[in-house]
């Protein structure tokens, strides 16, 4: 793992913990990290990380709406 150093203006009012959560949440949302990896990066347990994702408008289910719509349509086609 590597260390990343950022200079963030004081007026943004962002502490280290929230910055880590924002980065981890975004990488999870993009599918670049698993839930466990993102939770570890943010410094939380999986359970806590999942609970916090909603505060950032990130779904824990990380399933694109288009894929879900496609799956629903396919299920309707093959429904008995």
Protein backbone atom coordinates (compact mmCIF):
# COMPACT_ATOMS: atom_id res chain seq x y z
CA UNK A 1 0.00 0.00 0.00
CA UNK A 2 1.22 3.50 -0.67
CA UNK A 3 0.72 6.74 1.21
CA UNK A 4 -1.08 9.67 -0.37
CA UNK A 5 -0.62 13.20 0.93
CA UNK A 6 -3.14 15.88 -0.03
CA UNK A 7 -3.27 19.57 0.77
CA UNK A 8 -6.89 20.50 1.34
CA UNK A 9 -7.90 24.12 1.90
CA UNK A 10 -9.12 24.85 5.44
CA UNK A 11 -12.38 26.34 4.17
CA UNK A 12 -13.47 22.91 2.85
CA UNK A 13 -13.80 21.72 6.46
CA UNK A 14 -12.83 18.12 5.70
CA UNK A 15 -11.05 16.01 8.31
CA UNK A 16 -8.84 13.02 7.54
CA UNK A 17 -11.51 10.47 8.45
CA UNK A 18 -14.12 12.00 6.15
CA UNK A 19 -11.59 12.34 3.30
CA UNK A 20 -10.76 8.64 3.63
CA UNK A 21 -14.47 7.77 3.66
CA UNK A 22 -15.14 9.86 0.54
CA UNK A 23 -12.26 8.23 -1.33
CA UNK A 24 -13.15 4.71 -0.21
CA UNK A 25 -16.83 5.25 -0.99
CA UNK A 26 -16.14 6.53 -4.48
CA UNK A 27 -13.73 3.68 -5.27
CA UNK A 28 -16.31 1.18 -3.99
CA UNK A 29 -19.06 2.83 -6.05
CA UNK A 30 -16.88 2.55 -9.17
CA UNK A 31 -16.23 -1.12 -8.47
CA UNK A 32 -12.50 -0.58 -8.01
CA UNK A 33 -12.59 -1.83 -4.41
CA UNK A 34 -14.61 -4.57 -2.75
CA UNK A 35 -16.74 -3.70 0.25
CA UNK A 36 -14.10 -5.11 2.60
CA UNK A 37 -11.25 -3.26 0.89
CA UNK A 38 -13.15 0.02 0.93
CA UNK A 39 -14.09 -0.41 4.59
CA UNK A 40 -10.45 -1.07 5.49
CA UNK A 41 -9.29 1.98 3.51
CA UNK A 42 -11.82 4.16 5.33
CA UNK A 43 -10.80 2.65 8.67
CA UNK A 44 -14.18 1.11 9.51
CA UNK A 45 -15.64 -2.35 9.95
CA UNK A 46 -17.71 -3.60 7.01
CA UNK A 47 -20.89 -3.11 9.03
CA UNK A 48 -20.11 0.50 9.92
CA UNK A 49 -18.92 1.28 6.39
CA UNK A 50 -22.19 -0.09 4.95
CA UNK A 51 -24.16 2.04 7.40
CA UNK A 52 -22.19 5.16 6.46
CA UNK A 53 -22.48 4.73 2.68
CA UNK A 54 -26.03 6.09 2.72
CA UNK A 55 -24.74 9.37 4.14
CA UNK A 56 -22.81 9.78 0.89
CA UNK A 57 -25.66 8.65 -1.40
CA UNK A 58 -23.79 5.46 -2.28
CA UNK A 59 -25.73 2.22 -2.46
CA UNK A 60 -24.28 -0.74 -0.63
CA UNK A 61 -25.70 -2.94 -3.38
CA UNK A 62 -23.53 -1.31 -6.05
CA UNK A 63 -25.67 -2.73 -8.84
CA UNK A 64 -26.22 -0.47 -11.86
CA UNK A 65 -29.86 0.44 -12.48
CA UNK A 66 -29.51 -0.58 -16.14
CA UNK A 67 -28.40 -4.07 -15.12
CA UNK A 68 -31.25 -4.38 -12.66
CA UNK A 69 -33.78 -3.29 -15.30
CA UNK A 70 -32.35 -5.85 -17.72
CA UNK A 71 -32.58 -8.60 -15.12
CA UNK A 72 -36.19 -7.68 -14.35
CA UNK A 73 -37.11 -7.80 -18.05
CA UNK A 74 -35.40 -11.17 -18.45
CA UNK A 75 -37.21 -12.53 -15.39
CA UNK A 76 -40.54 -11.39 -16.84
CA UNK A 77 -39.80 -13.21 -20.12
CA UNK A 78 -39.11 -16.50 -18.41
CA UNK A 79 -41.80 -16.28 -15.74
CA UNK A 80 -44.20 -19.23 -15.80
